[in-house]
Structures are given as structure tokens and as C-alpha cells.
């Protein structure tokens, strides 16, 4: 949930920005991973 008072990036947008910015190496760490077709 958001409010009109604070602007913030969404989680998927931020993660995709990191992935798309990579030109040579990318390291991702997570507890679990599933149901993320756009990230895959």
C-alpha cells in the first residue's frame, strides 16, 4: 500500500533495473525463489 506523501520505486522495478544494468557480472541472493517469470 502506498500513500500520496512519499514516492518510491517498486520492488520488481528496482530488481529489474539492477539486472538490466549488468554488463559483466550479477550476484543475487535470496531465501526462496519461485513464481517470478519477469525476473527469470
ModelCIF file with pLDDT and N, C-alpha, C, O atoms, coordinates in Angstrom:
data_MODEL
#
_entry.id   MODEL 
#
_entity.id                         1 
_entity.type                       polymer 
_entity.pdbx_number_of_molecules   1 
#
_entity_poly.entity_id                      1 
_entity_poly.type                           'polypeptide(L)' 
_entity_poly.nstd_linkage                   no 
_entity_poly.nstd_monomer                   no 
_entity_poly.pdbx_seq_one_letter_code       
;(UNK)(UNK)(UNK)(UNK)(UNK)(UNK)(UNK)(UNK)(UNK)(UNK)(UNK)(UNK)(UNK)(UNK)(UNK)(UNK)
(UNK)(UNK)(UNK)(UNK)(UNK)(UNK)(UNK)(UNK)(UNK)(UNK)(UNK)(UNK)(UNK)(UNK)(UNK)(UNK)
(UNK)(UNK)(UNK)(UNK)(UNK)(UNK)(UNK)(UNK)
;
_entity_poly.pdbx_seq_one_letter_code_can   XXXXXXXXXXXXXXXXXXXXXXXXXXXXXXXXXXXXXXXX 
_entity_poly.pdbx_strand_id                 A 
#
loop_
_entity_poly_seq.entity_id 
_entity_poly_seq.num 
_entity_poly_seq.mon_id 
_entity_poly_seq.hetero 
1 1  UNK n 
1 2  UNK n 
1 3  UNK n 
1 4  UNK n 
1 5  UNK n 
1 6  UNK n 
1 7  UNK n 
1 8  UNK n 
1 9  UNK n 
1 10 UNK n 
1 11 UNK n 
1 12 UNK n 
1 13 UNK n 
1 14 UNK n 
1 15 UNK n 
1 16 UNK n 
1 17 UNK n 
1 18 UNK n 
1 19 UNK n 
1 20 UNK n 
1 21 UNK n 
1 22 UNK n 
1 23 UNK n 
1 24 UNK n 
1 25 UNK n 
1 26 UNK n 
1 27 UNK n 
1 28 UNK n 
1 29 UNK n 
1 30 UNK n 
1 31 UNK n 
1 32 UNK n 
1 33 UNK n 
1 34 UNK n 
1 35 UNK n 
1 36 UNK n 
1 37 UNK n 
1 38 UNK n 
1 39 UNK n 
1 40 UNK n 
#
_struct_asym.id          A 
_struct_asym.entity_id   1 
#
loop_
_ma_qa_metric.id 
_ma_qa_metric.mode 
_ma_qa_metric.name 
_ma_qa_metric.software_group_id 
_ma_qa_metric.type 
1 global pLDDT . pLDDT 
2 local  pLDDT . pLDDT 
#
_ma_qa_metric_global.metric_id      1 
_ma_qa_metric_global.metric_value   94.45 
_ma_qa_metric_global.model_id       1 
_ma_qa_metric_global.ordinal_id     1 
#
loop_
_ma_qa_metric_local.label_asym_id 
_ma_qa_metric_local.label_comp_id 
_ma_qa_metric_local.label_seq_id 
_ma_qa_metric_local.metric_id 
_ma_qa_metric_local.metric_value 
_ma_qa_metric_local.model_id 
_ma_qa_metric_local.ordinal_id 
A UNK 1  2 94.00 1 1  
A UNK 2  2 91.00 1 2  
A UNK 3  2 90.00 1 3  
A UNK 4  2 87.00 1 4  
A UNK 5  2 86.00 1 5  
A UNK 6  2 85.00 1 6  
A UNK 7  2 85.00 1 7  
A UNK 8  2 88.00 1 8  
A UNK 9  2 89.00 1 9  
A UNK 10 2 94.00 1 10 
A UNK 11 2 96.00 1 11 
A UNK 12 2 96.00 1 12 
A UNK 13 2 95.00 1 13 
A UNK 14 2 96.00 1 14 
A UNK 15 2 97.00 1 15 
A UNK 16 2 97.00 1 16 
A UNK 17 2 96.00 1 17 
A UNK 18 2 97.00 1 18 
A UNK 19 2 97.00 1 19 
A UNK 20 2 96.00 1 20 
A UNK 21 2 95.00 1 21 
A UNK 22 2 97.00 1 22 
A UNK 23 2 97.00 1 23 
A UNK 24 2 98.00 1 24 
A UNK 25 2 98.00 1 25 
A UNK 26 2 98.00 1 26 
A UNK 27 2 98.00 1 27 
A UNK 28 2 98.00 1 28 
A UNK 29 2 98.00 1 29 
A UNK 30 2 98.00 1 30 
A UNK 31 2 97.00 1 31 
A UNK 32 2 95.00 1 32 
A UNK 33 2 95.00 1 33 
A UNK 34 2 93.00 1 34 
A UNK 35 2 92.00 1 35 
A UNK 36 2 95.00 1 36 
A UNK 37 2 95.00 1 37 
A UNK 38 2 95.00 1 38 
A UNK 39 2 97.00 1 39 
A UNK 40 2 97.00 1 40 
#
loop_
_atom_site.group_PDB 
_atom_site.id 
_atom_site.type_symbol 
_atom_site.label_atom_id 
_atom_site.label_alt_id 
_atom_site.label_comp_id 
_atom_site.label_asym_id 
_atom_site.label_entity_id 
_atom_site.label_seq_id 
_atom_site.pdbx_PDB_ins_code 
_atom_site.Cartn_x 
_atom_site.Cartn_y 
_atom_site.Cartn_z 
_atom_site.occupancy 
_atom_site.B_iso_or_equiv 
_atom_site.pdbx_formal_charge 
_atom_site.auth_seq_id 
_atom_site.auth_comp_id 
_atom_site.auth_asym_id 
_atom_site.auth_atom_id 
_atom_site.pdbx_PDB_model_num 
ATOM 1   N N  . UNK A 1 1  ? 0.828  -1.210  0.000   1.00 94.00 ? 1  UNK A N  1 
ATOM 2   C CA . UNK A 1 1  ? 0.000  0.000   0.000   1.00 94.00 ? 1  UNK A CA 1 
ATOM 3   C C  . UNK A 1 1  ? 0.863  1.261   0.000   1.00 94.00 ? 1  UNK A C  1 
ATOM 4   O O  . UNK A 1 1  ? 1.871  1.333   0.703   1.00 94.00 ? 1  UNK A O  1 
ATOM 5   N N  . UNK A 1 2  ? 0.460  2.246   -0.790  1.00 91.00 ? 2  UNK A N  1 
ATOM 6   C CA . UNK A 1 2  ? 1.201  3.499   -0.884  1.00 91.00 ? 2  UNK A CA 1 
ATOM 7   C C  . UNK A 1 2  ? 0.382  4.638   -0.295  1.00 91.00 ? 2  UNK A C  1 
ATOM 8   O O  . UNK A 1 2  ? -0.798 4.473   0.014   1.00 91.00 ? 2  UNK A O  1 
ATOM 9   N N  . UNK A 1 3  ? 1.008  5.778   -0.144  1.00 90.00 ? 3  UNK A N  1 
ATOM 10  C CA . UNK A 1 3  ? 0.345  6.993   0.316   1.00 90.00 ? 3  UNK A CA 1 
ATOM 11  C C  . UNK A 1 3  ? 0.679  8.119   -0.650  1.00 90.00 ? 3  UNK A C  1 
ATOM 12  O O  . UNK A 1 3  ? 1.625  8.002   -1.428  1.00 90.00 ? 3  UNK A O  1 
ATOM 13  N N  . UNK A 1 4  ? -0.082 9.208   -0.612  1.00 87.00 ? 4  UNK A N  1 
ATOM 14  C CA . UNK A 1 4  ? 0.222  10.332  -1.506  1.00 87.00 ? 4  UNK A CA 1 
ATOM 15  C C  . UNK A 1 4  ? 1.449  11.128  -1.087  1.00 87.00 ? 4  UNK A C  1 
ATOM 16  O O  . UNK A 1 4  ? 1.856  12.044  -1.801  1.00 87.00 ? 4  UNK A O  1 
ATOM 17  N N  . UNK A 1 5  ? 2.047  10.802  0.050   1.00 86.00 ? 5  UNK A N  1 
ATOM 18  C CA . UNK A 1 5  ? 3.053  11.677  0.643   1.00 86.00 ? 5  UNK A CA 1 
ATOM 19  C C  . UNK A 1 5  ? 4.487  11.258  0.363   1.00 86.00 ? 5  UNK A C  1 
ATOM 20  O O  . UNK A 1 5  ? 5.401  12.071  0.498   1.00 86.00 ? 5  UNK A O  1 
ATOM 21  N N  . UNK A 1 6  ? 4.703  10.002  -0.025  1.00 85.00 ? 6  UNK A N  1 
ATOM 22  C CA . UNK A 1 6  ? 6.061  9.502   -0.244  1.00 85.00 ? 6  UNK A CA 1 
ATOM 23  C C  . UNK A 1 6  ? 6.114  8.779   -1.576  1.00 85.00 ? 6  UNK A C  1 
ATOM 24  O O  . UNK A 1 6  ? 5.285  7.916   -1.862  1.00 85.00 ? 6  UNK A O  1 
ATOM 25  N N  . UNK A 1 7  ? 7.098  9.141   -2.386  1.00 85.00 ? 7  UNK A N  1 
ATOM 26  C CA . UNK A 1 7  ? 7.303  8.487   -3.674  1.00 85.00 ? 7  UNK A CA 1 
ATOM 27  C C  . UNK A 1 7  ? 8.411  7.447   -3.549  1.00 85.00 ? 7  UNK A C  1 
ATOM 28  O O  . UNK A 1 7  ? 9.465  7.721   -2.973  1.00 85.00 ? 7  UNK A O  1 
ATOM 29  N N  . UNK A 1 8  ? 8.171  6.255   -4.088  1.00 88.00 ? 8  UNK A N  1 
ATOM 30  C CA . UNK A 1 8  ? 9.183  5.189   -4.001  1.00 88.00 ? 8  UNK A CA 1 
ATOM 31  C C  . UNK A 1 8  ? 9.071  4.273   -5.204  1.00 88.00 ? 8  UNK A C  1 
ATOM 32  O O  . UNK A 1 8  ? 7.997  4.105   -5.781  1.00 88.00 ? 8  UNK A O  1 
ATOM 33  N N  . UNK A 1 9  ? 10.199 3.683   -5.574  1.00 89.00 ? 9  UNK A N  1 
ATOM 34  C CA . UNK A 1 9  ? 10.216 2.681   -6.644  1.00 89.00 ? 9  UNK A CA 1 
ATOM 35  C C  . UNK A 1 9  ? 9.600  1.389   -6.125  1.00 89.00 ? 9  UNK A C  1 
ATOM 36  O O  . UNK A 1 9  ? 9.630  1.111   -4.926  1.00 89.00 ? 9  UNK A O  1 
ATOM 37  N N  . UNK A 1 10 ? 9.033  0.594   -7.053  1.00 94.00 ? 10 UNK A N  1 
ATOM 38  C CA . UNK A 1 10 ? 8.509  -0.713  -6.685  1.00 94.00 ? 10 UNK A CA 1 
ATOM 39  C C  . UNK A 1 10 ? 9.642  -1.742  -6.723  1.00 94.00 ? 10 UNK A C  1 
ATOM 40  O O  . UNK A 1 10 ? 10.637 -1.578  -7.429  1.00 94.00 ? 10 UNK A O  1 
ATOM 41  N N  . UNK A 1 11 ? 9.454  -2.813  -5.933  1.00 96.00 ? 11 UNK A N  1 
ATOM 42  C CA . UNK A 1 11 ? 10.493 -3.829  -5.777  1.00 96.00 ? 11 UNK A CA 1 
ATOM 43  C C  . UNK A 1 11 ? 10.901 -4.440  -7.118  1.00 96.00 ? 11 UNK A C  1 
ATOM 44  O O  . UNK A 1 11 ? 12.090 -4.520  -7.426  1.00 96.00 ? 11 UNK A O  1 
ATOM 45  N N  . UNK A 1 12 ? 9.923  -4.871  -7.914  1.00 96.00 ? 12 UNK A N  1 
ATOM 46  C CA . UNK A 1 12 ? 10.262 -5.506  -9.180  1.00 96.00 ? 12 UNK A CA 1 
ATOM 47  C C  . UNK A 1 12 ? 10.982 -4.535  -10.109 1.00 96.00 ? 12 UNK A C  1 
ATOM 48  O O  . UNK A 1 12 ? 11.913 -4.928  -10.811 1.00 96.00 ? 12 UNK A O  1 
ATOM 49  N N  . UNK A 1 13 ? 10.560 -3.268  -10.122 1.00 95.00 ? 13 UNK A N  1 
ATOM 50  C CA . UNK A 1 13 ? 11.230 -2.264  -10.956 1.00 95.00 ? 13 UNK A CA 1 
ATOM 51  C C  . UNK A 1 13 ? 12.700 -2.137  -10.574 1.00 95.00 ? 13 UNK A C  1 
ATOM 52  O O  . UNK A 1 13 ? 13.577 -2.102  -11.438 1.00 95.00 ? 13 UNK A O  1 
ATOM 53  N N  . UNK A 1 14 ? 12.962 -2.069  -9.257  1.00 96.00 ? 14 UNK A N  1 
ATOM 54  C CA . UNK A 1 14 ? 14.336 -1.898  -8.787  1.00 96.00 ? 14 UNK A CA 1 
ATOM 55  C C  . UNK A 1 14 ? 15.187 -3.113  -9.134  1.00 96.00 ? 14 UNK A C  1 
ATOM 56  O O  . UNK A 1 14 ? 16.323 -2.966  -9.586  1.00 96.00 ? 14 UNK A O  1 
ATOM 57  N N  . UNK A 1 15 ? 14.648 -4.307  -8.928  1.00 97.00 ? 15 UNK A N  1 
ATOM 58  C CA . UNK A 1 15 ? 15.406 -5.521  -9.226  1.00 97.00 ? 15 UNK A CA 1 
ATOM 59  C C  . UNK A 1 15 ? 15.686 -5.632  -10.718 1.00 97.00 ? 15 UNK A C  1 
ATOM 60  O O  . UNK A 1 15 ? 16.789 -6.007  -11.117 1.00 97.00 ? 15 UNK A O  1 
ATOM 61  N N  . UNK A 1 16 ? 14.701 -5.311  -11.540 1.00 97.00 ? 16 UNK A N  1 
ATOM 62  C CA . UNK A 1 16 ? 14.912 -5.349  -12.982 1.00 97.00 ? 16 UNK A CA 1 
ATOM 63  C C  . UNK A 1 16 ? 15.954 -4.317  -13.410 1.00 97.00 ? 16 UNK A C  1 
ATOM 64  O O  . UNK A 1 16 ? 16.720 -4.564  -14.342 1.00 97.00 ? 16 UNK A O  1 
ATOM 65  N N  . UNK A 1 17 ? 15.988 -3.167  -12.741 1.00 96.00 ? 17 UNK A N  1 
ATOM 66  C CA . UNK A 1 17 ? 16.995 -2.168  -13.081 1.00 96.00 ? 17 UNK A CA 1 
ATOM 67  C C  . UNK A 1 17 ? 18.399 -2.705  -12.824 1.00 96.00 ? 17 UNK A C  1 
ATOM 68  O O  . UNK A 1 17 ? 19.304 -2.498  -13.633 1.00 96.00 ? 17 UNK A O  1 
ATOM 69  N N  . UNK A 1 18 ? 18.578 -3.390  -11.705 1.00 97.00 ? 18 UNK A N  1 
ATOM 70  C CA . UNK A 1 18 ? 19.895 -3.960  -11.400 1.00 97.00 ? 18 UNK A CA 1 
ATOM 71  C C  . UNK A 1 18 ? 20.257 -5.021  -12.434 1.00 97.00 ? 18 UNK A C  1 
ATOM 72  O O  . UNK A 1 18 ? 21.373 -5.028  -12.956 1.00 97.00 ? 18 UNK A O  1 
ATOM 73  N N  . UNK A 1 19 ? 19.328 -5.909  -12.728 1.00 97.00 ? 19 UNK A N  1 
ATOM 74  C CA . UNK A 1 19 ? 19.597 -6.977  -13.700 1.00 97.00 ? 19 UNK A CA 1 
ATOM 75  C C  . UNK A 1 19 ? 19.924 -6.395  -15.073 1.00 97.00 ? 19 UNK A C  1 
ATOM 76  O O  . UNK A 1 19 ? 20.882 -6.816  -15.722 1.00 97.00 ? 19 UNK A O  1 
ATOM 77  N N  . UNK A 1 20 ? 19.124 -5.428  -15.507 1.00 96.00 ? 20 UNK A N  1 
ATOM 78  C CA . UNK A 1 20 ? 19.321 -4.850  -16.835 1.00 96.00 ? 20 UNK A CA 1 
ATOM 79  C C  . UNK A 1 20 ? 20.575 -3.984  -16.912 1.00 96.00 ? 20 UNK A C  1 
ATOM 80  O O  . UNK A 1 20 ? 21.102 -3.748  -17.999 1.00 96.00 ? 20 UNK A O  1 
ATOM 81  N N  . UNK A 1 21 ? 21.058 -3.507  -15.754 1.00 95.00 ? 21 UNK A N  1 
ATOM 82  C CA . UNK A 1 21 ? 22.269 -2.688  -15.746 1.00 95.00 ? 21 UNK A CA 1 
ATOM 83  C C  . UNK A 1 21 ? 23.537 -3.529  -15.866 1.00 95.00 ? 21 UNK A C  1 
ATOM 84  O O  . UNK A 1 21 ? 24.593 -3.010  -16.230 1.00 95.00 ? 21 UNK A O  1 
ATOM 85  N N  . UNK A 1 22 ? 23.441 -4.819  -15.564 1.00 97.00 ? 22 UNK A N  1 
ATOM 86  C CA . UNK A 1 22 ? 24.629 -5.672  -15.550 1.00 97.00 ? 22 UNK A CA 1 
ATOM 87  C C  . UNK A 1 22 ? 25.196 -5.846  -16.955 1.00 97.00 ? 22 UNK A C  1 
ATOM 88  O O  . UNK A 1 22 ? 24.469 -6.127  -17.908 1.00 97.00 ? 22 UNK A O  1 
ATOM 89  N N  . UNK A 1 23 ? 26.495 -5.675  -17.057 1.00 97.00 ? 23 UNK A N  1 
ATOM 90  C CA . UNK A 1 23 ? 27.180 -5.903  -18.334 1.00 97.00 ? 23 UNK A CA 1 
ATOM 91  C C  . UNK A 1 23 ? 28.194 -7.045  -18.250 1.00 97.00 ? 23 UNK A C  1 
ATOM 92  O O  . UNK A 1 23 ? 28.564 -7.614  -19.277 1.00 97.00 ? 23 UNK A O  1 
ATOM 93  N N  . UNK A 1 24 ? 28.646 -7.386  -17.039 1.00 98.00 ? 24 UNK A N  1 
ATOM 94  C CA . UNK A 1 24 ? 29.628 -8.469  -16.924 1.00 98.00 ? 24 UNK A CA 1 
ATOM 95  C C  . UNK A 1 24 ? 29.283 -9.450  -15.807 1.00 98.00 ? 24 UNK A C  1 
ATOM 96  O O  . UNK A 1 24 ? 29.364 -10.660 -16.020 1.00 98.00 ? 24 UNK A O  1 
ATOM 97  N N  . UNK A 1 25 ? 28.899 -8.967  -14.619 1.00 98.00 ? 25 UNK A N  1 
ATOM 98  C CA . UNK A 1 25 ? 28.608 -9.876  -13.513 1.00 98.00 ? 25 UNK A CA 1 
ATOM 99  C C  . UNK A 1 25 ? 27.335 -9.454  -12.792 1.00 98.00 ? 25 UNK A C  1 
ATOM 100 O O  . UNK A 1 25 ? 26.971 -8.278  -12.747 1.00 98.00 ? 25 UNK A O  1 
ATOM 101 N N  . UNK A 1 26 ? 26.669 -10.467 -12.226 1.00 98.00 ? 26 UNK A N  1 
ATOM 102 C CA . UNK A 1 26 ? 25.456 -10.232 -11.451 1.00 98.00 ? 26 UNK A CA 1 
ATOM 103 C C  . UNK A 1 26 ? 25.396 -11.285 -10.362 1.00 98.00 ? 26 UNK A C  1 
ATOM 104 O O  . UNK A 1 26 ? 25.504 -12.479 -10.643 1.00 98.00 ? 26 UNK A O  1 
ATOM 105 N N  . UNK A 1 27 ? 25.222 -10.852 -9.115  1.00 98.00 ? 27 UNK A N  1 
ATOM 106 C CA . UNK A 1 27 ? 25.124 -11.793 -7.992  1.00 98.00 ? 27 UNK A CA 1 
ATOM 107 C C  . UNK A 1 27 ? 23.820 -11.502 -7.264  1.00 98.00 ? 27 UNK A C  1 
ATOM 108 O O  . UNK A 1 27 ? 23.582 -10.382 -6.813  1.00 98.00 ? 27 UNK A O  1 
ATOM 109 N N  . UNK A 1 28 ? 22.974 -12.534 -7.156  1.00 98.00 ? 28 UNK A N  1 
ATOM 110 C CA . UNK A 1 28 ? 21.682 -12.405 -6.488  1.00 98.00 ? 28 UNK A CA 1 
ATOM 111 C C  . UNK A 1 28 ? 21.608 -13.397 -5.338  1.00 98.00 ? 28 UNK A C  1 
ATOM 112 O O  . UNK A 1 28 ? 22.031 -14.547 -5.461  1.00 98.00 ? 28 UNK A O  1 
ATOM 113 N N  . UNK A 1 29 ? 21.066 -12.934 -4.222  1.00 98.00 ? 29 UNK A N  1 
ATOM 114 C CA . UNK A 1 29 ? 20.938 -13.770 -3.034  1.00 98.00 ? 29 UNK A CA 1 
ATOM 115 C C  . UNK A 1 29 ? 19.522 -13.647 -2.504  1.00 98.00 ? 29 UNK A C  1 
ATOM 116 O O  . UNK A 1 29 ? 19.001 -12.539 -2.371  1.00 98.00 ? 29 UNK A O  1 
ATOM 117 N N  . UNK A 1 30 ? 18.885 -14.792 -2.196  1.00 98.00 ? 30 UNK A N  1 
ATOM 118 C CA . UNK A 1 30 ? 17.518 -14.771 -1.702  1.00 98.00 ? 30 UNK A CA 1 
ATOM 119 C C  . UNK A 1 30 ? 17.270 -16.025 -0.870  1.00 98.00 ? 30 UNK A C  1 
ATOM 120 O O  . UNK A 1 30 ? 17.982 -17.021 -1.004  1.00 98.00 ? 30 UNK A O  1 
ATOM 121 N N  . UNK A 1 31 ? 16.254 -15.967 -0.009  1.00 97.00 ? 31 UNK A N  1 
ATOM 122 C CA . UNK A 1 31 ? 15.877 -17.121 0.806   1.00 97.00 ? 31 UNK A CA 1 
ATOM 123 C C  . UNK A 1 31 ? 15.158 -18.143 -0.065  1.00 97.00 ? 31 UNK A C  1 
ATOM 124 O O  . UNK A 1 31 ? 15.527 -19.317 -0.094  1.00 97.00 ? 31 UNK A O  1 
ATOM 125 N N  . UNK A 1 32 ? 14.129 -17.688 -0.773  1.00 95.00 ? 32 UNK A N  1 
ATOM 126 C CA . UNK A 1 32 ? 13.407 -18.567 -1.687  1.00 95.00 ? 32 UNK A CA 1 
ATOM 127 C C  . UNK A 1 32 ? 13.286 -17.881 -3.045  1.00 95.00 ? 32 UNK A C  1 
ATOM 128 O O  . UNK A 1 32 ? 13.538 -16.682 -3.164  1.00 95.00 ? 32 UNK A O  1 
ATOM 129 N N  . UNK A 1 33 ? 12.904 -18.636 -4.057  1.00 95.00 ? 33 UNK A N  1 
ATOM 130 C CA . UNK A 1 33 ? 12.733 -18.086 -5.402  1.00 95.00 ? 33 UNK A CA 1 
ATOM 131 C C  . UNK A 1 33 ? 11.728 -18.935 -6.158  1.00 95.00 ? 33 UNK A C  1 
ATOM 132 O O  . UNK A 1 33 ? 11.962 -20.119 -6.402  1.00 95.00 ? 33 UNK A O  1 
ATOM 133 N N  . UNK A 1 34 ? 10.609 -18.330 -6.529  1.00 93.00 ? 34 UNK A N  1 
ATOM 134 C CA . UNK A 1 34 ? 9.619  -19.000 -7.364  1.00 93.00 ? 34 UNK A CA 1 
ATOM 135 C C  . UNK A 1 34 ? 8.577  -17.989 -7.834  1.00 93.00 ? 34 UNK A C  1 
ATOM 136 O O  . UNK A 1 34 ? 8.402  -16.931 -7.229  1.00 93.00 ? 34 UNK A O  1 
ATOM 137 N N  . UNK A 1 35 ? 7.890  -18.331 -8.919  1.00 92.00 ? 35 UNK A N  1 
ATOM 138 C CA . UNK A 1 35 ? 6.786  -17.519 -9.451  1.00 92.00 ? 35 UNK A CA 1 
ATOM 139 C C  . UNK A 1 35 ? 7.235  -16.099 -9.777  1.00 92.00 ? 35 UNK A C  1 
ATOM 140 O O  . UNK A 1 35 ? 6.573  -15.131 -9.403  1.00 92.00 ? 35 UNK A O  1 
ATOM 141 N N  . UNK A 1 36 ? 8.367  -15.978 -10.480 1.00 95.00 ? 36 UNK A N  1 
ATOM 142 C CA . UNK A 1 36 ? 8.872  -14.653 -10.885 1.00 95.00 ? 36 UNK A CA 1 
ATOM 143 C C  . UNK A 1 36 ? 9.281  -14.708 -12.355 1.00 95.00 ? 36 UNK A C  1 
ATOM 144 O O  . UNK A 1 36 ? 10.458 -14.572 -12.689 1.00 95.00 ? 36 UNK A O  1 
ATOM 145 N N  . UNK A 1 37 ? 8.310  -14.905 -13.212 1.00 95.00 ? 37 UNK A N  1 
ATOM 146 C CA . UNK A 1 37 ? 8.608  -15.116 -14.636 1.00 95.00 ? 37 UNK A CA 1 
ATOM 147 C C  . UNK A 1 37 ? 9.298  -13.911 -15.267 1.00 95.00 ? 37 UNK A C  1 
ATOM 148 O O  . UNK A 1 37 ? 10.183 -14.070 -16.108 1.00 95.00 ? 37 UNK A O  1 
ATOM 149 N N  . UNK A 1 38 ? 8.891  -12.686 -14.859 1.00 95.00 ? 38 UNK A N  1 
ATOM 150 C CA . UNK A 1 38 ? 9.524  -11.497 -15.426 1.00 95.00 ? 38 UNK A CA 1 
ATOM 151 C C  . UNK A 1 38 ? 10.990 -11.396 -15.037 1.00 95.00 ? 38 UNK A C  1 
ATOM 152 O O  . UNK A 1 38 ? 11.824 -10.991 -15.846 1.00 95.00 ? 38 UNK A O  1 
ATOM 153 N N  . UNK A 1 39 ? 11.303 -11.761 -13.806 1.00 97.00 ? 39 UNK A N  1 
ATOM 154 C CA . UNK A 1 39 ? 12.692 -11.736 -13.341 1.00 97.00 ? 39 UNK A CA 1 
ATOM 155 C C  . UNK A 1 39 ? 13.506 -12.821 -14.049 1.00 97.00 ? 39 UNK A C  1 
ATOM 156 O O  . UNK A 1 39 ? 14.644 -12.586 -14.453 1.00 97.00 ? 39 UNK A O  1 
ATOM 157 N N  . UNK A 1 40 ? 12.915 -14.008 -14.196 1.00 97.00 ? 40 UNK A N  1 
ATOM 158 C CA . UNK A 1 40 ? 13.604 -15.109 -14.881 1.00 97.00 ? 40 UNK A CA 1 
ATOM 159 C C  . UNK A 1 40 ? 13.945 -14.714 -16.312 1.00 97.00 ? 40 UNK A C  1 
ATOM 160 O O  . UNK A 1 40 ? 14.528 -15.508 -17.050 1.00 97.00 ? 40 UNK A O  1 
#
